[in-house]
Each structure stands twice: as C-alpha cells, then as structure tokens.
Amino acid sequence: MKDAMKYKDYIGSVHYDGEDEIFHGRLEFIRDLVTFEGSDAKSLKKAFIEAVDDYLDFCAEQNKEPDKPFKGSFNVRTGAELHRYAALLANEMNTSLNTVVVKALEDYVKKTSKKKPALAKGIGNKKITA
C-alpha cells in the first residue's frame, strides 16, 4: 500500500475525495470497520491516531480483543496440482507443508523486495519463521 500511515502496528489508508474536498481513510487488514477523515494531511494524521486510540479504548471497555493486522496465518488457494506437489515435496523433505509454503513465500518476498527498496525496508533482516 503506497499511501498509508502507521501507528501502534495499525495501518491506515489515505484517500482523497475531490468532490467533497476531504481526505479519508480506514484501518486496513482488520475485520472491524474503523474510519477517519481530515481536511488536510495534518488533520488526517491526527484523526488516524485518534481513531486507533479510540478503537483500542472501545475494545477495552467492551472486554473485546481488538483485531490485529497480520496475525501470522492466512488461507492460500493453490489449486490441486500445486497443492499435491508441495505436499509431496514436504513429505520427501520430512517436513510440514506449512514449512514448505513459508520457505517458498519467504524466498519470493526477499527476492522481490530487492527490486523494491520500500518493501525491503519493511522486511529488514529479520528471519521469517514458520
């Protein structure tokens, strides 16, 4: 996401509505709908921070666990043939299908991030583990 803000591990999108002449956004990568808006970049950033803090406060008041972006698991639809090959490879390597998928994804992300410096900054030199 190119136009985004980050605060307390939450990511907020940034959009501009030319008709209403207003900036707006939402917290991305969570199920709950949390939106914010502002008349300029400074007020949008302030509204984003307030939206995150208000969301966390609301969840605490409701004894609800707030949604967290990037929990570390997601579904992948590979198609039957690739699924079979990956499972056979995992079996051959005496490891889990999850480990094979994580390693493949890790290799792809690292390779791709070398071509995209902004993405690489987010990955850093952290070891990605299954």
N, C-alpha and C. Protein backbone atom coordinates (compact mmCIF):
# COMPACT_ATOMS: atom_id res chain seq x y z
N MET A 1 0.85 -1.17 0.00
CA MET A 1 0.00 0.00 0.00
C MET A 1 0.90 1.24 0.00
N LYS A 2 0.74 2.03 -1.02
CA LYS A 2 1.59 3.19 -1.20
C LYS A 2 1.24 4.33 -0.24
N ASP A 3 -0.02 4.70 -0.22
CA ASP A 3 -0.46 5.82 0.60
C ASP A 3 -1.02 5.29 1.91
N ALA A 4 -0.17 5.26 2.94
CA ALA A 4 -0.58 4.69 4.21
C ALA A 4 0.15 5.36 5.36
N MET A 5 -0.47 5.26 6.54
CA MET A 5 0.14 5.75 7.77
C MET A 5 0.21 4.57 8.73
N LYS A 6 1.17 4.59 9.64
CA LYS A 6 1.33 3.51 10.61
C LYS A 6 1.36 4.08 12.03
N TYR A 7 0.67 3.38 12.94
CA TYR A 7 0.64 3.78 14.35
C TYR A 7 0.22 2.56 15.16
N LYS A 8 0.99 2.23 16.19
CA LYS A 8 0.70 1.10 17.09
C LYS A 8 0.40 -0.18 16.30
N ASP A 9 1.19 -0.47 15.31
CA ASP A 9 1.04 -1.67 14.48
C ASP A 9 -0.21 -1.67 13.61
N TYR A 10 -0.93 -0.56 13.54
CA TYR A 10 -2.09 -0.45 12.66
C TYR A 10 -1.70 0.37 11.43
N ILE A 11 -2.31 0.05 10.32
CA ILE A 11 -2.04 0.74 9.07
C ILE A 11 -3.32 1.41 8.62
N GLY A 12 -3.23 2.69 8.32
CA GLY A 12 -4.38 3.45 7.85
C GLY A 12 -4.19 3.85 6.40
N SER A 13 -5.21 3.65 5.60
CA SER A 13 -5.15 4.05 4.20
C SER A 13 -5.36 5.56 4.09
N VAL A 14 -4.95 6.11 2.96
CA VAL A 14 -5.10 7.54 2.71
C VAL A 14 -5.75 7.71 1.34
N HIS A 15 -6.89 8.40 1.32
CA HIS A 15 -7.61 8.66 0.07
C HIS A 15 -8.06 10.11 0.06
N TYR A 16 -8.29 10.62 -1.15
CA TYR A 16 -8.79 11.99 -1.28
C TYR A 16 -10.06 11.98 -2.11
N ASP A 17 -11.08 12.65 -1.61
CA ASP A 17 -12.34 12.80 -2.32
C ASP A 17 -12.39 14.22 -2.86
N GLY A 18 -12.17 14.37 -4.17
CA GLY A 18 -12.13 15.68 -4.80
C GLY A 18 -13.47 16.40 -4.79
N GLU A 19 -14.54 15.63 -4.83
CA GLU A 19 -15.88 16.24 -4.83
C GLU A 19 -16.18 16.90 -3.50
N ASP A 20 -15.88 16.19 -2.40
CA ASP A 20 -16.12 16.74 -1.07
C ASP A 20 -14.91 17.47 -0.52
N GLU A 21 -13.79 17.41 -1.24
CA GLU A 21 -12.54 18.05 -0.84
C GLU A 21 -12.13 17.64 0.57
N ILE A 22 -12.06 16.33 0.78
CA ILE A 22 -11.71 15.81 2.09
C ILE A 22 -10.82 14.58 1.95
N PHE A 23 -9.89 14.43 2.88
CA PHE A 23 -9.06 13.24 2.96
C PHE A 23 -9.77 12.25 3.88
N HIS A 24 -9.65 10.97 3.58
CA HIS A 24 -10.28 9.97 4.43
C HIS A 24 -9.49 8.67 4.36
N GLY A 25 -9.75 7.80 5.31
CA GLY A 25 -9.07 6.52 5.32
C GLY A 25 -9.75 5.57 6.27
N ARG A 26 -9.19 4.38 6.36
CA ARG A 26 -9.70 3.35 7.27
C ARG A 26 -8.54 2.51 7.76
N LEU A 27 -8.73 1.82 8.86
CA LEU A 27 -7.72 0.89 9.33
C LEU A 27 -7.78 -0.33 8.42
N GLU A 28 -6.64 -0.69 7.87
CA GLU A 28 -6.56 -1.78 6.91
C GLU A 28 -6.16 -3.08 7.61
N PHE A 29 -6.51 -4.17 6.98
CA PHE A 29 -6.09 -5.51 7.41
C PHE A 29 -6.70 -5.96 8.73
N ILE A 30 -7.85 -5.37 9.12
CA ILE A 30 -8.61 -5.86 10.26
C ILE A 30 -10.07 -6.03 9.82
N ARG A 31 -10.81 -6.85 10.56
CA ARG A 31 -12.21 -7.09 10.21
C ARG A 31 -13.12 -5.94 10.62
N ASP A 32 -12.84 -5.30 11.76
CA ASP A 32 -13.68 -4.19 12.22
C ASP A 32 -13.51 -3.00 11.28
N LEU A 33 -14.58 -2.25 11.13
CA LEU A 33 -14.53 -1.06 10.28
C LEU A 33 -14.25 0.15 11.15
N VAL A 34 -13.08 0.76 10.95
CA VAL A 34 -12.68 1.96 11.67
C VAL A 34 -12.23 2.97 10.62
N THR A 35 -12.93 4.11 10.56
CA THR A 35 -12.63 5.13 9.55
C THR A 35 -12.22 6.43 10.22
N PHE A 36 -11.64 7.31 9.42
CA PHE A 36 -11.22 8.63 9.89
C PHE A 36 -11.17 9.57 8.71
N GLU A 37 -11.19 10.87 8.99
CA GLU A 37 -11.11 11.86 7.91
C GLU A 37 -10.52 13.16 8.42
N GLY A 38 -10.05 13.96 7.48
CA GLY A 38 -9.47 15.26 7.81
C GLY A 38 -9.48 16.17 6.59
N SER A 39 -9.33 17.45 6.83
CA SER A 39 -9.37 18.42 5.74
C SER A 39 -8.00 18.63 5.08
N ASP A 40 -6.94 18.18 5.76
CA ASP A 40 -5.59 18.28 5.20
C ASP A 40 -4.76 17.14 5.78
N ALA A 41 -3.52 17.03 5.34
CA ALA A 41 -2.68 15.90 5.76
C ALA A 41 -2.48 15.88 7.27
N LYS A 42 -2.27 17.03 7.87
CA LYS A 42 -2.02 17.10 9.31
C LYS A 42 -3.25 16.65 10.10
N SER A 43 -4.41 17.12 9.70
CA SER A 43 -5.63 16.73 10.43
C SER A 43 -5.98 15.27 10.16
N LEU A 44 -5.65 14.75 8.99
CA LEU A 44 -5.89 13.34 8.69
C LEU A 44 -5.03 12.45 9.59
N LYS A 45 -3.76 12.84 9.74
CA LYS A 45 -2.86 12.06 10.59
C LYS A 45 -3.36 12.07 12.04
N LYS A 46 -3.78 13.23 12.51
CA LYS A 46 -4.31 13.34 13.87
C LYS A 46 -5.56 12.48 14.04
N ALA A 47 -6.45 12.52 13.04
CA ALA A 47 -7.67 11.71 13.09
C ALA A 47 -7.36 10.22 13.06
N PHE A 48 -6.34 9.83 12.32
CA PHE A 48 -5.92 8.43 12.26
C PHE A 48 -5.45 7.95 13.63
N ILE A 49 -4.59 8.73 14.26
CA ILE A 49 -4.08 8.37 15.59
C ILE A 49 -5.23 8.29 16.60
N GLU A 50 -6.13 9.26 16.55
CA GLU A 50 -7.29 9.25 17.44
C GLU A 50 -8.17 8.03 17.17
N ALA A 51 -8.33 7.66 15.91
CA ALA A 51 -9.17 6.51 15.55
C ALA A 51 -8.59 5.22 16.12
N VAL A 52 -7.27 5.06 16.04
CA VAL A 52 -6.63 3.88 16.61
C VAL A 52 -6.81 3.86 18.12
N ASP A 53 -6.50 4.97 18.77
CA ASP A 53 -6.63 5.04 20.23
C ASP A 53 -8.08 4.82 20.67
N ASP A 54 -9.04 5.44 19.95
CA ASP A 54 -10.46 5.26 20.29
C ASP A 54 -10.88 3.80 20.09
N TYR A 55 -10.40 3.18 19.04
CA TYR A 55 -10.72 1.77 18.76
C TYR A 55 -10.21 0.88 19.90
N LEU A 56 -8.98 1.10 20.30
CA LEU A 56 -8.40 0.30 21.38
C LEU A 56 -9.13 0.54 22.70
N ASP A 57 -9.49 1.79 22.97
CA ASP A 57 -10.25 2.11 24.19
C ASP A 57 -11.63 1.46 24.17
N PHE A 58 -12.29 1.53 23.02
CA PHE A 58 -13.62 0.94 22.88
C PHE A 58 -13.57 -0.58 23.11
N CYS A 59 -12.58 -1.21 22.53
CA CYS A 59 -12.43 -2.66 22.70
C CYS A 59 -12.19 -3.01 24.16
N ALA A 60 -11.38 -2.22 24.85
CA ALA A 60 -11.11 -2.46 26.27
C ALA A 60 -12.39 -2.30 27.08
N GLU A 61 -13.17 -1.27 26.79
CA GLU A 61 -14.43 -1.05 27.50
C GLU A 61 -15.41 -2.20 27.30
N GLN A 62 -15.39 -2.79 26.10
CA GLN A 62 -16.30 -3.88 25.76
C GLN A 62 -15.74 -5.26 26.12
N ASN A 63 -14.56 -5.28 26.74
CA ASN A 63 -13.87 -6.55 27.02
C ASN A 63 -13.74 -7.39 25.75
N LYS A 64 -13.42 -6.72 24.66
CA LYS A 64 -13.26 -7.36 23.36
C LYS A 64 -11.81 -7.27 22.95
N GLU A 65 -11.27 -8.35 22.45
CA GLU A 65 -9.89 -8.34 21.95
C GLU A 65 -9.88 -7.57 20.63
N PRO A 66 -9.09 -6.50 20.51
CA PRO A 66 -9.06 -5.75 19.25
C PRO A 66 -8.46 -6.60 18.13
N ASP A 67 -8.99 -6.41 16.93
CA ASP A 67 -8.40 -7.08 15.77
C ASP A 67 -6.97 -6.59 15.60
N LYS A 68 -6.11 -7.50 15.24
CA LYS A 68 -4.71 -7.16 14.97
C LYS A 68 -4.43 -7.48 13.51
N PRO A 69 -3.78 -6.58 12.81
CA PRO A 69 -3.39 -6.90 11.44
C PRO A 69 -2.28 -7.94 11.45
N PHE A 70 -2.28 -8.79 10.48
CA PHE A 70 -1.20 -9.75 10.27
C PHE A 70 -0.99 -10.66 11.47
N LYS A 71 -1.94 -11.53 11.68
CA LYS A 71 -1.89 -12.48 12.80
C LYS A 71 -0.87 -13.58 12.58
N GLY A 72 -0.40 -13.75 11.35
CA GLY A 72 0.59 -14.77 11.08
C GLY A 72 0.02 -16.00 10.40
N SER A 73 -1.26 -15.94 10.04
CA SER A 73 -1.83 -17.06 9.29
C SER A 73 -2.84 -16.51 8.28
N PHE A 74 -2.92 -17.21 7.15
CA PHE A 74 -3.89 -16.86 6.12
C PHE A 74 -4.10 -18.07 5.22
N ASN A 75 -5.21 -18.08 4.52
CA ASN A 75 -5.51 -19.19 3.61
C ASN A 75 -4.88 -18.94 2.25
N VAL A 76 -4.37 -19.99 1.66
CA VAL A 76 -3.77 -19.90 0.33
C VAL A 76 -4.48 -20.91 -0.56
N ARG A 77 -5.01 -20.46 -1.67
CA ARG A 77 -5.65 -21.35 -2.64
C ARG A 77 -4.68 -21.58 -3.79
N THR A 78 -4.12 -22.76 -3.83
CA THR A 78 -3.05 -23.05 -4.78
C THR A 78 -3.52 -23.79 -6.02
N GLY A 79 -4.64 -24.43 -5.94
CA GLY A 79 -5.05 -25.36 -6.97
C GLY A 79 -4.56 -26.75 -6.58
N ALA A 80 -5.25 -27.77 -7.05
CA ALA A 80 -4.97 -29.14 -6.62
C ALA A 80 -3.57 -29.61 -7.00
N GLU A 81 -3.12 -29.28 -8.20
CA GLU A 81 -1.83 -29.79 -8.67
C GLU A 81 -0.66 -29.23 -7.86
N LEU A 82 -0.64 -27.92 -7.65
CA LEU A 82 0.43 -27.32 -6.86
C LEU A 82 0.37 -27.80 -5.41
N HIS A 83 -0.82 -27.94 -4.88
CA HIS A 83 -1.00 -28.46 -3.53
C HIS A 83 -0.38 -29.85 -3.42
N ARG A 84 -0.66 -30.70 -4.40
CA ARG A 84 -0.12 -32.06 -4.40
C ARG A 84 1.40 -32.05 -4.46
N TYR A 85 1.97 -31.25 -5.38
CA TYR A 85 3.43 -31.19 -5.49
C TYR A 85 4.08 -30.68 -4.21
N ALA A 86 3.49 -29.66 -3.62
CA ALA A 86 4.06 -29.10 -2.38
C ALA A 86 3.97 -30.12 -1.24
N ALA A 87 2.86 -30.83 -1.15
CA ALA A 87 2.71 -31.85 -0.10
C ALA A 87 3.70 -33.00 -0.30
N LEU A 88 3.89 -33.40 -1.55
CA LEU A 88 4.87 -34.46 -1.84
C LEU A 88 6.28 -34.00 -1.51
N LEU A 89 6.60 -32.75 -1.84
CA LEU A 89 7.91 -32.20 -1.51
C LEU A 89 8.12 -32.18 0.00
N ALA A 90 7.11 -31.73 0.73
CA ALA A 90 7.20 -31.69 2.20
C ALA A 90 7.45 -33.09 2.75
N ASN A 91 6.72 -34.06 2.23
CA ASN A 91 6.89 -35.44 2.68
C ASN A 91 8.30 -35.94 2.37
N GLU A 92 8.78 -35.64 1.17
CA GLU A 92 10.12 -36.05 0.75
C GLU A 92 11.19 -35.42 1.63
N MET A 93 10.95 -34.18 2.07
CA MET A 93 11.92 -33.45 2.89
C MET A 93 11.73 -33.71 4.38
N ASN A 94 10.75 -34.57 4.70
CA ASN A 94 10.45 -34.89 6.09
C ASN A 94 10.14 -33.62 6.91
N THR A 95 9.29 -32.79 6.33
CA THR A 95 8.89 -31.56 6.99
C THR A 95 7.40 -31.35 6.74
N SER A 96 6.87 -30.26 7.22
CA SER A 96 5.43 -29.99 7.05
C SER A 96 5.16 -29.19 5.78
N LEU A 97 3.95 -29.30 5.29
CA LEU A 97 3.52 -28.49 4.15
C LEU A 97 3.64 -27.01 4.51
N ASN A 98 3.29 -26.65 5.74
CA ASN A 98 3.40 -25.26 6.18
C ASN A 98 4.83 -24.75 6.05
N THR A 99 5.80 -25.55 6.44
CA THR A 99 7.21 -25.14 6.34
C THR A 99 7.61 -24.92 4.90
N VAL A 100 7.17 -25.78 3.99
CA VAL A 100 7.47 -25.62 2.57
C VAL A 100 6.87 -24.32 2.04
N VAL A 101 5.62 -24.04 2.40
CA VAL A 101 4.94 -22.83 1.93
C VAL A 101 5.61 -21.58 2.50
N VAL A 102 5.94 -21.60 3.79
CA VAL A 102 6.59 -20.45 4.42
C VAL A 102 7.94 -20.18 3.77
N LYS A 103 8.72 -21.22 3.54
CA LYS A 103 10.04 -21.06 2.91
C LYS A 103 9.90 -20.48 1.50
N ALA A 104 8.95 -21.00 0.73
CA ALA A 104 8.73 -20.51 -0.63
C ALA A 104 8.31 -19.04 -0.61
N LEU A 105 7.41 -18.69 0.30
CA LEU A 105 6.95 -17.31 0.41
C LEU A 105 8.08 -16.40 0.87
N GLU A 106 8.85 -16.87 1.85
CA GLU A 106 9.98 -16.09 2.35
C GLU A 106 10.98 -15.81 1.22
N ASP A 107 11.32 -16.83 0.45
CA ASP A 107 12.26 -16.67 -0.67
C ASP A 107 11.72 -15.68 -1.70
N TYR A 108 10.43 -15.79 -2.03
CA TYR A 108 9.82 -14.91 -3.01
C TYR A 108 9.81 -13.46 -2.52
N VAL A 109 9.43 -13.25 -1.27
CA VAL A 109 9.36 -11.90 -0.72
C VAL A 109 10.75 -11.27 -0.67
N LYS A 110 11.74 -12.02 -0.24
CA LYS A 110 13.10 -11.49 -0.19
C LYS A 110 13.60 -11.14 -1.59
N LYS A 111 13.35 -12.01 -2.55
CA LYS A 111 13.78 -11.78 -3.94
C LYS A 111 13.09 -10.54 -4.50
N THR A 112 11.80 -10.44 -4.29
CA THR A 112 11.03 -9.31 -4.80
C THR A 112 11.42 -8.01 -4.12
N SER A 113 11.69 -8.08 -2.81
CA SER A 113 12.00 -6.86 -2.05
C SER A 113 13.32 -6.24 -2.49
N LYS A 114 14.21 -7.03 -3.06
CA LYS A 114 15.47 -6.47 -3.58
C LYS A 114 15.19 -5.53 -4.74
N LYS A 115 14.11 -5.76 -5.46
CA LYS A 115 13.73 -4.91 -6.58
C LYS A 115 12.89 -3.72 -6.13
N LYS A 116 12.39 -3.78 -4.89
CA LYS A 116 11.52 -2.72 -4.37
C LYS A 116 12.06 -2.28 -3.01
N PRO A 117 12.94 -1.29 -2.98
CA PRO A 117 13.57 -0.87 -1.73
C PRO A 117 12.60 -0.50 -0.62
N ALA A 118 11.46 0.09 -0.94
CA ALA A 118 10.50 0.46 0.11
C ALA A 118 9.95 -0.78 0.79
N LEU A 119 9.73 -1.83 0.04
CA LEU A 119 9.24 -3.08 0.61
C LEU A 119 10.34 -3.73 1.45
N ALA A 120 11.55 -3.68 0.97
CA ALA A 120 12.67 -4.29 1.70
C ALA A 120 12.85 -3.64 3.06
N LYS A 121 12.59 -2.34 3.14
CA LYS A 121 12.71 -1.63 4.41
C LYS A 121 11.80 -2.24 5.46
N GLY A 122 10.60 -2.66 5.04
CA GLY A 122 9.65 -3.26 5.97
C GLY A 122 10.05 -4.65 6.40
N ILE A 123 10.81 -5.35 5.58
CA ILE A 123 11.21 -6.72 5.89
C ILE A 123 12.45 -6.72 6.75
N GLY A 124 13.39 -5.86 6.44
CA GLY A 124 14.63 -5.79 7.20
C GLY A 124 15.40 -7.09 7.08
N ASN A 125 16.18 -7.38 8.08
CA ASN A 125 16.97 -8.61 8.09
C ASN A 125 16.41 -9.64 9.03
N LYS A 126 15.14 -9.52 9.37
CA LYS A 126 14.51 -10.46 10.30
C LYS A 126 14.38 -11.82 9.65
N LYS A 127 14.62 -12.84 10.42
CA LYS A 127 14.42 -14.21 9.97
C LYS A 127 12.94 -14.50 10.06
N ILE A 128 12.35 -14.89 8.99
CA ILE A 128 10.95 -15.25 8.97
C ILE A 128 10.85 -16.72 9.28
N THR A 129 10.07 -17.09 10.31
CA THR A 129 9.98 -18.50 10.70
C THR A 129 8.55 -18.99 10.63
N ALA A 130 8.43 -20.29 10.49
CA ALA A 130 7.09 -20.90 10.42
C ALA A 130 6.53 -21.11 11.80
